[in-house]
Amino acid sequence: MNATLELCCQQMPVLQPIGKQSRYLAPELTVLHARKRDPPARRLRFEWKLVTNLPVRSRAEAIEKLDWYAMRWKIETCDKILKSGFKDEEPRLHTADRLTNPIAVFCILR
């Protein structure tokens, strides 16, 4: 399914807590606001508001950050399967070597 999105982005500094300005730099954050153009009648408008400390200097970089966020749901699903299906939190799967086979099987099943 494809959607046409309106995308706005704005950089903004974040002020440090009072009394700590000398110890911390003010980070520059970027707020990305994406929403679906012309949503169907009687449906909520699709809308994301993301905040990142990664540089966003162009439209292409803003779209890249949205694509990364969209991948989050696949990562969450993978994590859920590993935790529930493969029981990755049991002691026998606490090393990278022991997780390799279950992850390989999961990737094939996707």
PDB file of N, CA and C in Angstrom:
ATOM      1  N   MET A   1       0.840  -1.172   0.000  1.00  0.00           N
ATOM      2  CA  MET A   1       0.000   0.000   0.000  1.00  0.00           C
ATOM      3  C   MET A   1       0.892   1.244   0.000  1.00  0.00           C
ATOM      4  N   ASN A   2       0.577   2.184  -0.849  1.00  0.00           N
ATOM      5  CA  ASN A   2       1.317   3.435  -0.939  1.00  0.00           C
ATOM      6  C   ASN A   2       0.472   4.576  -0.397  1.00  0.00           C
ATOM      7  N   ALA A   3       1.153   5.569   0.136  1.00  0.00           N
ATOM      8  CA  ALA A   3       0.477   6.766   0.642  1.00  0.00           C
ATOM      9  C   ALA A   3       1.312   7.978   0.268  1.00  0.00           C
ATOM     10  N   THR A   4       0.650   9.072  -0.020  1.00  0.00           N
ATOM     11  CA  THR A   4       1.334  10.327  -0.274  1.00  0.00           C
ATOM     12  C   THR A   4       1.402  11.094   1.038  1.00  0.00           C
ATOM     13  N   LEU A   5       2.611  11.448   1.439  1.00  0.00           N
ATOM     14  CA  LEU A   5       2.813  12.109   2.722  1.00  0.00           C
ATOM     15  C   LEU A   5       3.250  13.553   2.542  1.00  0.00           C
ATOM     16  N   GLU A   6       2.815  14.392   3.442  1.00  0.00           N
ATOM     17  CA  GLU A   6       3.349  15.744   3.575  1.00  0.00           C
ATOM     18  C   GLU A   6       4.427  15.661   4.642  1.00  0.00           C
ATOM     19  N   LEU A   7       5.570  16.252   4.370  1.00  0.00           N
ATOM     20  CA  LEU A   7       6.688  16.132   5.288  1.00  0.00           C
ATOM     21  C   LEU A   7       7.249  17.507   5.626  1.00  0.00           C
ATOM     22  N   CYS A   8       7.348  17.788   6.910  1.00  0.00           N
ATOM     23  CA  CYS A   8       7.949  19.030   7.393  1.00  0.00           C
ATOM     24  C   CYS A   8       9.054  18.649   8.368  1.00  0.00           C
ATOM     25  N   CYS A   9      10.114  19.440   8.387  1.00  0.00           N
ATOM     26  CA  CYS A   9      11.128  19.197   9.405  1.00  0.00           C
ATOM     27  C   CYS A   9      11.677  20.530   9.887  1.00  0.00           C
ATOM     28  N   GLN A  10      12.061  20.540  11.148  1.00  0.00           N
ATOM     29  CA  GLN A  10      12.537  21.764  11.789  1.00  0.00           C
ATOM     30  C   GLN A  10      13.629  21.402  12.781  1.00  0.00           C
ATOM     31  N   GLN A  11      14.760  22.085  12.701  1.00  0.00           N
ATOM     32  CA  GLN A  11      15.813  21.891  13.692  1.00  0.00           C
ATOM     33  C   GLN A  11      15.557  22.814  14.873  1.00  0.00           C
ATOM     34  N   MET A  12      15.891  22.314  16.060  1.00  0.00           N
ATOM     35  CA  MET A  12      15.689  23.130  17.253  1.00  0.00           C
ATOM     36  C   MET A  12      16.723  22.764  18.306  1.00  0.00           C
ATOM     37  N   PRO A  13      17.272  23.765  18.989  1.00  0.00           N
ATOM     38  CA  PRO A  13      18.201  23.458  20.077  1.00  0.00           C
ATOM     39  C   PRO A  13      17.425  23.065  21.330  1.00  0.00           C
ATOM     40  N   VAL A  14      18.037  22.221  22.128  1.00  0.00           N
ATOM     41  CA  VAL A  14      17.440  21.839  23.405  1.00  0.00           C
ATOM     42  C   VAL A  14      18.284  22.478  24.494  1.00  0.00           C
ATOM     43  N   LEU A  15      17.648  23.233  25.339  1.00  0.00           N
ATOM     44  CA  LEU A  15      18.374  23.929  26.393  1.00  0.00           C
ATOM     45  C   LEU A  15      18.720  22.967  27.526  1.00  0.00           C
ATOM     46  N   GLN A  16      19.898  23.163  28.102  1.00  0.00           N
ATOM     47  CA  GLN A  16      20.330  22.335  29.219  1.00  0.00           C
ATOM     48  C   GLN A  16      19.621  22.778  30.491  1.00  0.00           C
ATOM     49  N   PRO A  17      19.597  21.905  31.496  1.00  0.00           N
ATOM     50  CA  PRO A  17      19.019  22.306  32.781  1.00  0.00           C
ATOM     51  C   PRO A  17      19.781  23.500  33.369  1.00  0.00           C
ATOM     52  N   ILE A  18      19.077  24.355  34.072  1.00  0.00           N
ATOM     53  CA  ILE A  18      19.698  25.519  34.708  1.00  0.00           C
ATOM     54  C   ILE A  18      20.798  25.032  35.656  1.00  0.00           C
ATOM     55  N   GLY A  19      21.923  25.671  35.578  1.00  0.00           N
ATOM     56  CA  GLY A  19      23.052  25.306  36.432  1.00  0.00           C
ATOM     57  C   GLY A  19      23.973  24.274  35.806  1.00  0.00           C
ATOM     58  N   LYS A  20      23.591  23.707  34.671  1.00  0.00           N
ATOM     59  CA  LYS A  20      24.438  22.698  34.029  1.00  0.00           C
ATOM     60  C   LYS A  20      24.886  23.120  32.635  1.00  0.00           C
ATOM     61  N   GLN A  21      24.624  24.378  32.268  1.00  0.00           N
ATOM     62  CA  GLN A  21      24.984  24.851  30.940  1.00  0.00           C
ATOM     63  C   GLN A  21      26.483  24.760  30.678  1.00  0.00           C
ATOM     64  N   SER A  22      27.286  24.960  31.710  1.00  0.00           N
ATOM     65  CA  SER A  22      28.738  24.936  31.504  1.00  0.00           C
ATOM     66  C   SER A  22      29.268  23.517  31.308  1.00  0.00           C
ATOM     67  N   ARG A  23      28.526  22.514  31.745  1.00  0.00           N
ATOM     68  CA  ARG A  23      28.995  21.128  31.637  1.00  0.00           C
ATOM     69  C   ARG A  23      28.470  20.393  30.414  1.00  0.00           C
ATOM     70  N   TYR A  24      27.395  20.860  29.818  1.00  0.00           N
ATOM     71  CA  TYR A  24      26.778  20.148  28.701  1.00  0.00           C
ATOM     72  C   TYR A  24      26.584  21.073  27.506  1.00  0.00           C
ATOM     73  N   LEU A  25      26.782  20.518  26.333  1.00  0.00           N
ATOM     74  CA  LEU A  25      26.494  21.250  25.108  1.00  0.00           C
ATOM     75  C   LEU A  25      25.000  21.161  24.825  1.00  0.00           C
ATOM     76  N   ALA A  26      24.462  22.183  24.186  1.00  0.00           N
ATOM     77  CA  ALA A  26      23.042  22.156  23.813  1.00  0.00           C
ATOM     78  C   ALA A  26      22.899  21.307  22.545  1.00  0.00           C
ATOM     79  N   PRO A  27      22.224  20.165  22.644  1.00  0.00           N
ATOM     80  CA  PRO A  27      22.078  19.342  21.437  1.00  0.00           C
ATOM     81  C   PRO A  27      21.124  19.992  20.437  1.00  0.00           C
ATOM     82  N   GLU A  28      21.397  19.769  19.179  1.00  0.00           N
ATOM     83  CA  GLU A  28      20.528  20.247  18.109  1.00  0.00           C
ATOM     84  C   GLU A  28      19.681  19.052  17.668  1.00  0.00           C
ATOM     85  N   LEU A  29      18.381  19.138  17.833  1.00  0.00           N
ATOM     86  CA  LEU A  29      17.484  18.051  17.448  1.00  0.00           C
ATOM     87  C   LEU A  29      16.694  18.449  16.216  1.00  0.00           C
ATOM     88  N   THR A  30      16.235  17.456  15.491  1.00  0.00           N
ATOM     89  CA  THR A  30      15.389  17.697  14.333  1.00  0.00           C
ATOM     90  C   THR A  30      14.045  17.027  14.573  1.00  0.00           C
ATOM     91  N   VAL A  31      12.995  17.774  14.383  1.00  0.00           N
ATOM     92  CA  VAL A  31      11.637  17.247  14.499  1.00  0.00           C
ATOM     93  C   VAL A  31      11.124  16.997  13.088  1.00  0.00           C
ATOM     94  N   LEU A  32      10.711  15.761  12.816  1.00  0.00           N
ATOM     95  CA  LEU A  32      10.114  15.391  11.535  1.00  0.00           C
ATOM     96  C   LEU A  32       8.627  15.174  11.746  1.00  0.00           C
ATOM     97  N   HIS A  33       7.827  15.779  10.915  1.00  0.00           N
ATOM     98  CA  HIS A  33       6.378  15.642  11.013  1.00  0.00           C
ATOM     99  C   HIS A  33       5.874  15.170   9.652  1.00  0.00           C
ATOM    100  N   ALA A  34       5.379  13.945   9.621  1.00  0.00           N
ATOM    101  CA  ALA A  34       4.858  13.374   8.372  1.00  0.00           C
ATOM    102  C   ALA A  34       3.391  13.036   8.574  1.00  0.00           C
ATOM    103  N   ARG A  35       2.578  13.406   7.604  1.00  0.00           N
ATOM    104  CA  ARG A  35       1.169  13.033   7.694  1.00  0.00           C
ATOM    105  C   ARG A  35       0.640  12.730   6.302  1.00  0.00           C
ATOM    106  N   LYS A  36      -0.352  11.856   6.269  1.00  0.00           N
ATOM    107  CA  LYS A  36      -0.922  11.419   5.002  1.00  0.00           C
ATOM    108  C   LYS A  36      -1.752  12.535   4.394  1.00  0.00           C
ATOM    109  N   ARG A  37      -1.523  12.778   3.135  1.00  0.00           N
ATOM    110  CA  ARG A  37      -2.302  13.776   2.404  1.00  0.00           C
ATOM    111  C   ARG A  37      -3.593  13.109   1.941  1.00  0.00           C
ATOM    112  N   ASP A  38      -4.711  13.800   2.048  1.00  0.00           N
ATOM    113  CA  ASP A  38      -6.023  13.321   1.601  1.00  0.00           C
ATOM    114  C   ASP A  38      -6.400  11.959   2.185  1.00  0.00           C
ATOM    115  N   PRO A  39      -6.587  11.882   3.506  1.00  0.00           N
ATOM    116  CA  PRO A  39      -6.981  10.591   4.099  1.00  0.00           C
ATOM    117  C   PRO A  39      -8.397  10.224   3.669  1.00  0.00           C
ATOM    118  N   PRO A  40      -8.715   8.924   3.640  1.00  0.00           N
ATOM    119  CA  PRO A  40     -10.073   8.502   3.288  1.00  0.00           C
ATOM    120  C   PRO A  40     -11.102   9.067   4.273  1.00  0.00           C
ATOM    121  N   ALA A  41     -12.312   9.228   3.796  1.00  0.00           N
ATOM    122  CA  ALA A  41     -13.394   9.735   4.650  1.00  0.00           C
ATOM    123  C   ALA A  41     -13.604   8.796   5.834  1.00  0.00           C
ATOM    124  N   ARG A  42     -13.923   9.366   6.969  1.00  0.00           N
ATOM    125  CA  ARG A  42     -14.215   8.635   8.212  1.00  0.00           C
ATOM    126  C   ARG A  42     -13.038   7.797   8.710  1.00  0.00           C
ATOM    127  N   ARG A  43     -11.836   8.192   8.368  1.00  0.00           N
ATOM    128  CA  ARG A  43     -10.639   7.494   8.873  1.00  0.00           C
ATOM    129  C   ARG A  43      -9.714   8.521   9.487  1.00  0.00           C
ATOM    130  N   LEU A  44      -9.010   8.107  10.508  1.00  0.00           N
ATOM    131  CA  LEU A  44      -8.046   8.997  11.135  1.00  0.00           C
ATOM    132  C   LEU A  44      -6.875   9.260  10.189  1.00  0.00           C
ATOM    133  N   ARG A  45      -6.364  10.476  10.261  1.00  0.00           N
ATOM    134  CA  ARG A  45      -5.222  10.842   9.418  1.00  0.00           C
ATOM    135  C   ARG A  45      -3.966  10.174   9.968  1.00  0.00           C
ATOM    136  N   PHE A  46      -3.225   9.526   9.103  1.00  0.00           N
ATOM    137  CA  PHE A  46      -1.947   8.924   9.440  1.00  0.00           C
ATOM    138  C   PHE A  46      -0.966  10.047   9.753  1.00  0.00           C
ATOM    139  N   GLU A  47      -0.308   9.974  10.902  1.00  0.00           N
ATOM    140  CA  GLU A  47       0.572  11.063  11.298  1.00  0.00           C
ATOM    141  C   GLU A  47       1.698  10.541  12.189  1.00  0.00           C
ATOM    142  N   TRP A  48       2.935  10.930  11.871  1.00  0.00           N
ATOM    143  CA  TRP A  48       4.095  10.602  12.687  1.00  0.00           C
ATOM    144  C   TRP A  48       4.781  11.890  13.082  1.00  0.00           C
ATOM    145  N   LYS A  49       5.208  11.960  14.320  1.00  0.00           N
ATOM    146  CA  LYS A  49       6.062  13.042  14.788  1.00  0.00           C
ATOM    147  C   LYS A  49       7.290  12.388  15.399  1.00  0.00           C
ATOM    148  N   LEU A  50       8.427  12.600  14.766  1.00  0.00           N
ATOM    149  CA  LEU A  50       9.667  11.964  15.195  1.00  0.00           C
ATOM    150  C   LEU A  50      10.674  13.029  15.603  1.00  0.00           C
ATOM    151  N   VAL A  51      11.483  12.718  16.593  1.00  0.00           N
ATOM    152  CA  VAL A  51      12.546  13.609  17.027  1.00  0.00           C
ATOM    153  C   VAL A  51      13.845  12.819  16.944  1.00  0.00           C
ATOM    154  N   THR A  52      14.858  13.409  16.295  1.00  0.00           N
ATOM    155  CA  THR A  52      16.126  12.720  16.139  1.00  0.00           C
ATOM    156  C   THR A  52      17.282  13.680  16.377  1.00  0.00           C
ATOM    157  N   ASN A  53      18.400  13.122  16.812  1.00  0.00           N
ATOM    158  CA  ASN A  53      19.611  13.926  16.927  1.00  0.00           C
ATOM    159  C   ASN A  53      20.519  13.701  15.720  1.00  0.00           C
ATOM    160  N   LEU A  54      20.051  12.900  14.764  1.00  0.00           N
ATOM    161  CA  LEU A  54      20.804  12.679  13.534  1.00  0.00           C
ATOM    162  C   LEU A  54      20.638  13.876  12.605  1.00  0.00           C
ATOM    163  N   PRO A  55      21.654  14.179  11.819  1.00  0.00           N
ATOM    164  CA  PRO A  55      21.539  15.331  10.923  1.00  0.00           C
ATOM    165  C   PRO A  55      20.517  15.098   9.817  1.00  0.00           C
ATOM    166  N   VAL A  56      19.715  16.101   9.547  1.00  0.00           N
ATOM    167  CA  VAL A  56      18.743  16.074   8.453  1.00  0.00           C
ATOM    168  C   VAL A  56      18.930  17.377   7.687  1.00  0.00           C
ATOM    169  N   ARG A  57      19.684  17.281   6.583  1.00  0.00           N
ATOM    170  CA  ARG A  57      20.014  18.480   5.822  1.00  0.00           C
ATOM    171  C   ARG A  57      19.294  18.564   4.478  1.00  0.00           C
ATOM    172  N   SER A  58      18.545  17.524   4.146  1.00  0.00           N
ATOM    173  CA  SER A  58      17.862  17.523   2.853  1.00  0.00           C
ATOM    174  C   SER A  58      16.580  16.705   2.950  1.00  0.00           C
ATOM    175  N   ARG A  59      15.773  16.831   1.912  1.00  0.00           N
ATOM    176  CA  ARG A  59      14.532  16.042   1.843  1.00  0.00           C
ATOM    177  C   ARG A  59      14.852  14.549   1.822  1.00  0.00           C
ATOM    178  N   ALA A  60      15.896  14.179   1.077  1.00  0.00           N
ATOM    179  CA  ALA A  60      16.283  12.765   0.986  1.00  0.00           C
ATOM    180  C   ALA A  60      16.681  12.213   2.357  1.00  0.00           C
ATOM    181  N   GLU A  61      17.401  13.010   3.141  1.00  0.00           N
ATOM    182  CA  GLU A  61      17.784  12.556   4.480  1.00  0.00           C
ATOM    183  C   GLU A  61      16.571  12.445   5.401  1.00  0.00           C
ATOM    184  N   ALA A  62      15.598  13.330   5.251  1.00  0.00           N
ATOM    185  CA  ALA A  62      14.372  13.248   6.057  1.00  0.00           C
ATOM    186  C   ALA A  62      13.607  11.973   5.713  1.00  0.00           C
ATOM    187  N   ILE A  63      13.497  11.677   4.430  1.00  0.00           N
ATOM    188  CA  ILE A  63      12.810  10.445   4.003  1.00  0.00           C
ATOM    189  C   ILE A  63      13.562   9.220   4.501  1.00  0.00           C
ATOM    190  N   GLU A  64      14.884   9.276   4.473  1.00  0.00           N
ATOM    191  CA  GLU A  64      15.696   8.170   4.984  1.00  0.00           C
ATOM    192  C   GLU A  64      15.369   7.895   6.456  1.00  0.00           C
ATOM    193  N   LYS A  65      15.269   8.944   7.263  1.00  0.00           N
ATOM    194  CA  LYS A  65      14.965   8.761   8.692  1.00  0.00           C
ATOM    195  C   LYS A  65      13.566   8.174   8.889  1.00  0.00           C
ATOM    196  N   LEU A  66      12.602   8.588   8.058  1.00  0.00           N
ATOM    197  CA  LEU A  66      11.259   8.006   8.132  1.00  0.00           C
ATOM    198  C   LEU A  66      11.285   6.524   7.754  1.00  0.00           C
ATOM    199  N   ASP A  67      12.069   6.176   6.739  1.00  0.00           N
ATOM    200  CA  ASP A  67      12.201   4.775   6.349  1.00  0.00           C
ATOM    201  C   ASP A  67      12.791   3.950   7.483  1.00  0.00           C
ATOM    202  N   TRP A  68      13.786   4.515   8.156  1.00  0.00           N
ATOM    203  CA  TRP A  68      14.374   3.804   9.302  1.00  0.00           C
ATOM    204  C   TRP A  68      13.327   3.571  10.373  1.00  0.00           C
ATOM    205  N   TYR A  69      12.510   4.578  10.647  1.00  0.00           N
ATOM    206  CA  TYR A  69      11.483   4.425  11.675  1.00  0.00           C
ATOM    207  C   TYR A  69      10.454   3.376  11.259  1.00  0.00           C
ATOM    208  N   ALA A  70      10.120   3.351   9.982  1.00  0.00           N
ATOM    209  CA  ALA A  70       9.161   2.359   9.497  1.00  0.00           C
ATOM    210  C   ALA A  70       9.695   0.942   9.705  1.00  0.00           C
ATOM    211  N   MET A  71      10.997   0.768   9.649  1.00  0.00           N
ATOM    212  CA  MET A  71      11.602  -0.553   9.877  1.00  0.00           C
ATOM    213  C   MET A  71      11.475  -0.992  11.332  1.00  0.00           C
ATOM    214  N   ARG A  72      11.205  -0.054  12.206  1.00  0.00           N
ATOM    215  CA  ARG A  72      11.102  -0.360  13.635  1.00  0.00           C
ATOM    216  C   ARG A  72      10.091  -1.477  13.906  1.00  0.00           C
ATOM    217  N   TRP A  73       8.991  -1.476  13.169  1.00  0.00           N
ATOM    218  CA  TRP A  73       7.948  -2.470  13.421  1.00  0.00           C
ATOM    219  C   TRP A  73       8.421  -3.866  13.056  1.00  0.00           C
ATOM    220  N   LYS A  74       9.219  -3.997  12.020  1.00  0.00           N
ATOM    221  CA  LYS A  74       9.783  -5.305  11.676  1.00  0.00           C
ATOM    222  C   LYS A  74      10.758  -5.760  12.760  1.00  0.00           C
ATOM    223  N   ILE A  75      11.529  -4.829  13.277  1.00  0.00           N
ATOM    224  CA  ILE A  75      12.483  -5.158  14.336  1.00  0.00           C
ATOM    225  C   ILE A  75      11.743  -5.577  15.600  1.00  0.00           C
ATOM    226  N   GLU A  76      10.661  -4.856  15.943  1.00  0.00           N
ATOM    227  CA  GLU A  76       9.858  -5.217  17.124  1.00  0.00           C
ATOM    228  C   GLU A  76       9.267  -6.624  16.975  1.00  0.00           C
ATOM    229  N   THR A  77       8.784  -6.951  15.781  1.00  0.00           N
ATOM    230  CA  THR A  77       8.216  -8.276  15.531  1.00  0.00           C
ATOM    231  C   THR A  77       9.290  -9.350  15.672  1.00  0.00           C
ATOM    232  N   CYS A  78      10.449  -9.094  15.121  1.00  0.00           N
ATOM    233  CA  CYS A  78      11.565 -10.035  15.229  1.00  0.00           C
ATOM    234  C   CYS A  78      11.926 -10.254  16.691  1.00  0.00           C
ATOM    235  N   ASP A  79      12.013  -9.180  17.455  1.00  0.00           N
ATOM    236  CA  ASP A  79      12.350  -9.279  18.871  1.00  0.00           C
ATOM    237  C   ASP A  79      11.297 -10.080  19.627  1.00  0.00           C
ATOM    238  N   LYS A  80      10.028  -9.853  19.314  1.00  0.00           N
ATOM    239  CA  LYS A  80       8.947 -10.588  19.984  1.00  0.00           C
ATOM    240  C   LYS A  80       9.047 -12.083  19.699  1.00  0.00           C
ATOM    241  N   ILE A  81       9.331 -12.423  18.448  1.00  0.00           N
ATOM    242  CA  ILE A  81       9.452 -13.835  18.083  1.00  0.00           C
ATOM    243  C   ILE A  81      10.637 -14.466  18.798  1.00  0.00           C
ATOM    244  N   LEU A  82      11.763 -13.746  18.843  1.00  0.00           N
ATOM    245  CA  LEU A  82      12.927 -14.292  19.533  1.00  0.00           C
ATOM    246  C   LEU A  82      12.650 -14.509  21.011  1.00  0.00           C
ATOM    247  N   LYS A  83      11.936 -13.563  21.628  1.00  0.00           N
ATOM    248  CA  LYS A  83      11.672 -13.684  23.062  1.00  0.00           C
ATOM    249  C   LYS A  83      10.639 -14.761  23.371  1.00  0.00           C
ATOM    250  N   SER A  84       9.577 -14.831  22.579  1.00  0.00           N
ATOM    251  CA  SER A  84       8.522 -15.786  22.905  1.00  0.00           C
ATOM    252  C   SER A  84       8.728 -17.137  22.221  1.00  0.00           C
ATOM    253  N   GLY A  85       8.980 -17.114  20.923  1.00  0.00           N
ATOM    254  CA  GLY A  85       9.106 -18.369  20.185  1.00  0.00           C
ATOM    255  C   GLY A  85      10.387 -19.117  20.455  1.00  0.00           C
ATOM    256  N   PHE A  86      11.504 -18.410  20.432  1.00  0.00           N
ATOM    257  CA  PHE A  86      12.791 -19.050  20.653  1.00  0.00           C
ATOM    258  C   PHE A  86      13.249 -18.949  22.101  1.00  0.00           C
ATOM    259  N   LYS A  87      12.486 -18.235  22.914  1.00  0.00           N
ATOM    260  CA  LYS A  87      12.819 -18.063  24.330  1.00  0.00           C
ATOM    261  C   LYS A  87      14.286 -17.645  24.487  1.00  0.00           C
ATOM    262  N   ASP A  88      14.643 -16.562  23.799  1.00  0.00           N
ATOM    263  CA  ASP A  88      16.046 -16.116  23.776  1.00  0.00           C
ATOM    264  C   ASP A  88      16.552 -15.619  25.120  1.00  0.00           C
ATOM    265  N   GLU A  89      15.655 -15.423  26.067  1.00  0.00           N
ATOM    266  CA  GLU A  89      16.101 -14.937  27.365  1.00  0.00           C
ATOM    267  C   GLU A  89      16.471 -16.072  28.317  1.00  0.00           C
ATOM    268  N   GLU A  90      16.284 -17.314  27.872  1.00  0.00           N
ATOM    269  CA  GLU A  90      16.722 -18.431  28.697  1.00  0.00           C
ATOM    270  C   GLU A  90      18.244 -18.499  28.657  1.00  0.00           C
ATOM    271  N   PRO A  91      18.861 -19.012  29.724  1.00  0.00           N
ATOM    272  CA  PRO A  91      20.329 -19.011  29.810  1.00  0.00           C
ATOM    273  C   PRO A  91      21.037 -19.677  28.630  1.00  0.00           C
ATOM    274  N   ARG A  92      20.427 -20.669  27.998  1.00  0.00           N
ATOM    275  CA  ARG A  92      21.119 -21.388  26.927  1.00  0.00           C
ATOM    276  C   ARG A  92      21.318 -20.521  25.684  1.00  0.00           C
ATOM    277  N   LEU A  93      20.641 -19.377  25.567  1.00  0.00           N
ATOM    278  CA  LEU A  93      20.778 -18.528  24.389  1.00  0.00           C
ATOM    279  C   LEU A  93      21.412 -17.173  24.713  1.00  0.00           C
ATOM    280  N   HIS A  94      22.190 -17.095  25.746  1.00  0.00           N
ATOM    281  CA  HIS A  94      22.735 -15.803  26.171  1.00  0.00           C
ATOM    282  C   HIS A  94      24.021 -15.412  25.467  1.00  0.00           C
ATOM    283  N   THR A  95      24.529 -16.210  24.570  1.00  0.00           N
ATOM    284  CA  THR A  95      25.735 -15.824  23.832  1.00  0.00           C
ATOM    285  C   THR A  95      25.381 -15.658  22.358  1.00  0.00           C
ATOM    286  N   ALA A  96      26.201 -14.891  21.666  1.00  0.00           N
ATOM    287  CA  ALA A  96      25.961 -14.649  20.237  1.00  0.00           C
ATOM    288  C   ALA A  96      26.032 -15.956  19.451  1.00  0.00           C
ATOM    289  N   ASP A  97      26.961 -16.839  19.799  1.00  0.00           N
ATOM    290  CA  ASP A  97      27.083 -18.115  19.082  1.00  0.00           C
ATOM    291  C   ASP A  97      25.816 -18.957  19.196  1.00  0.00           C
ATOM    292  N   ARG A  98      25.209 -18.962  20.359  1.00  0.00           N
ATOM    293  CA  ARG A  98      24.006 -19.766  20.560  1.00  0.00           C
ATOM    294  C   ARG A  98      22.767 -19.146  19.921  1.00  0.00           C
ATOM    295  N   LEU A  99      22.775 -17.841  19.690  1.00  0.00           N
ATOM    296  CA  LEU A  99      21.631 -17.177  19.043  1.00  0.00           C
ATOM    297  C   LEU A  99      21.690 -17.266  17.519  1.00  0.00           C
ATOM    298  N   THR A 100      22.847 -17.589  16.967  1.00  0.00           N
ATOM    299  CA  THR A 100      23.021 -17.580  15.509  1.00  0.00           C
ATOM    300  C   THR A 100      22.042 -18.502  14.799  1.00  0.00           C
ATOM    301  N   ASN A 101      21.908 -19.736  15.246  1.00  0.00           N
ATOM    302  CA  ASN A 101      21.014 -20.685  14.561  1.00  0.00           C
ATOM    303  C   ASN A 101      19.544 -20.274  14.633  1.00  0.00           C
ATOM    304  N   PRO A 102      19.002 -19.917  15.809  1.00  0.00           N
ATOM    305  CA  PRO A 102      17.596 -19.489  15.827  1.00  0.00           C
ATOM    306  C   PRO A 102      17.340 -18.253  14.956  1.00  0.00           C
ATOM    307  N   ILE A 103      18.283 -17.313  14.943  1.00  0.00           N
ATOM    308  CA  ILE A 103      18.100 -16.123  14.113  1.00  0.00           C
ATOM    309  C   ILE A 103      18.125 -16.501  12.636  1.00  0.00           C
ATOM    310  N   ALA A 104      19.017 -17.398  12.251  1.00  0.00           N
ATOM    311  CA  ALA A 104      19.089 -17.840  10.853  1.00  0.00           C
ATOM    312  C   ALA A 104      17.776 -18.512  10.438  1.00  0.00           C
ATOM    313  N   VAL A 105      17.224 -19.347  11.304  1.00  0.00           N
ATOM    314  CA  VAL A 105      15.940 -20.002  11.002  1.00  0.00           C
ATOM    315  C   VAL A 105      14.834 -18.960  10.863  1.00  0.00           C
ATOM    316  N   PHE A 106      14.798 -18.000  11.759  1.00  0.00           N
ATOM    317  CA  PHE A 106      13.774 -16.960  11.696  1.00  0.00           C
ATOM    318  C   PHE A 106      13.870 -16.176  10.383  1.00  0.00           C
ATOM    319  N   CYS A 107      15.091 -15.841   9.975  1.00  0.00           N
ATOM    320  CA  CYS A 107      15.261 -15.076   8.730  1.00  0.00           C
ATOM    321  C   CYS A 107      14.768 -15.853   7.511  1.00  0.00           C
ATOM    322  N   ILE A 108      14.955 -17.151   7.513  1.00  0.00           N
ATOM    323  CA  ILE A 108      14.464 -17.973   6.407  1.00  0.00           C
ATOM    324  C   ILE A 108      12.939 -18.017   6.415  1.00  0.00           C
ATOM    325  N   LEU A 109      12.332 -18.104   7.607  1.00  0.00           N
ATOM    326  CA  LEU A 109      10.877 -18.215   7.723  1.00  0.00           C
ATOM    327  C   LEU A 109      10.162 -16.916   7.388  1.00  0.00           C
ATOM    328  N   ARG A 110      10.826 -15.781   7.495  1.00  0.00           N
ATOM    329  CA  ARG A 110      10.203 -14.504   7.204  1.00  0.00           C
ATOM    330  C   ARG A 110       9.766 -14.505   5.788  1.00  0.00           C
TER     331      ARG A 110
END
